[in-house]
Amino acid sequence: MRRYTPPRPETSPATVAHVLTTPGAELEGALARVVAPFGGWQGLVRPGERIAVKVNLLRAADPEHAVTTHPETLRWVLRGLLAAGAQPFVADSPGGPNPAAAVARIWRLTGVDSLCRQEGVPLVDVESDVITFPCPHGVLFKSFPIGRAFAEADGIVQVGVLKTHVLMRLTGAVKLTFGCVPGLEKARFHIRASRREDFADMLLDLHLGLRPRFNVLDGIVAMEGQGPGGGTPRELGSLFAAVDGIALDAAMADRTGLPREQLYTLAAAARRGLLDLAHPYTLVGDPVEAVPDFVHAVKDAETMLPASLRRVSRRLVTARPLLTRPRVCTSCGDCAAICGTRAIRLRPLPHIDDDRCVRCYACAEVCPSGALDVVTPPLARLLGRLRRS
């Protein structure tokens, strides 16, 4: 099973590359510039290596909605790997139940299937062949079920899209690794690590265990608002790259104006001594300037309360998933299938048992029609306004 040591020693703090560009610009040149500080693709992979290119395939969506990895960004990553002599394949596990026909539809509607055909790069199924991957140094979890293809590849290169996230605040390199876990297996981790802090530690255990060789984060058109599936596309013009995914996520937080300590995975990494929140990365390339009006996912007022009061106050201050657009609901059952606590029943529209719900929001993430959304209670909205005033 793969055990990889990066070919280039990292400085402390780790290097993060950032390039400013625009939609429709020459992506080939932008990607070449963002990879150059690491020796280019020739410095990151060796000829003949089989490289798993891990994308973000949350659900079926048009590429312009910033829900999934944009195929044009993926194209130039694949061409760079091929030019360096590597043998890339593309893989990911969407959220929810993933029969072969459903996954094939997602590949097709996101434009990734067509792109891979054009570039002669295979798409690999990671749902039907799953192994237990050991993470002996994990803090909360010592092993994970993952697609065998990820474990047996010589290296993993992650290519994601910068998005807000209602649970973790932002989706970056660390969160992206969770897609190596097969669809419905994700629900088990949402239950066992239902606290945000625990979920962040779980993500770190997996990310550090799999050790992606390289991370590319596309914020040329990012997602703001109630991400990762229901937000709004927002042009940022940013392209990030790093060997160290944790450092990259710190730069991502800075670009969106999110205080570093409020990104749960960064806070967890700081607790473990993996980075200094005051100086988390060494920047090369273009300046990382905060976007002043970037809209983040609503932060629960629950986080402002003592831990002893959070359980009893949950109904009043914690955002919850709700069926907000019943007319577009198709009763497909994806929300019920992904729910690890069995809090959702179809009657025939989804009904959510609030007592069972652990507020992981996976149901809203995988809803293909956008019928489910994450709704903040009135008291929480009031507390948020008072806090800002």
Foldseek 3Di string as FASTA:
>chain_A
DADDDFPDDADVLGEKEKAFDAPPPDLLVRVQRQQVVCVFLLNQDAAAFEEEEEWQLQAQDEQQQQLIFQLVNVLNVVVSNVVSRYQYAYEFAYAFDCDPVRVVNSCVRHVNVVSCVVVVHYHDDQAPAWDWQALCPAPQDGIAIFRVVLVPGNAYEYEYEWEQEQLQFIDFDLNSLLRRHHHLSVQVLCVVQLHSLSSLSVSVSRCVRSQGQKYKYDVCWHFFEHDDAPTGTDGQRMIMMGSDRLLRVLLSCQLQVHQQCSRSNNVNCVVVVNADSVQNHDYDYDDRHHDVPGHIYDDWCLVVDPPVCSVVCCVATPWDKDQQAVVQQPLPCRLCRNNNQSQWDPPPNTDGNPVSDSPPCSSCSNRPRNRMGTDGHPNNVVVVVVVVD
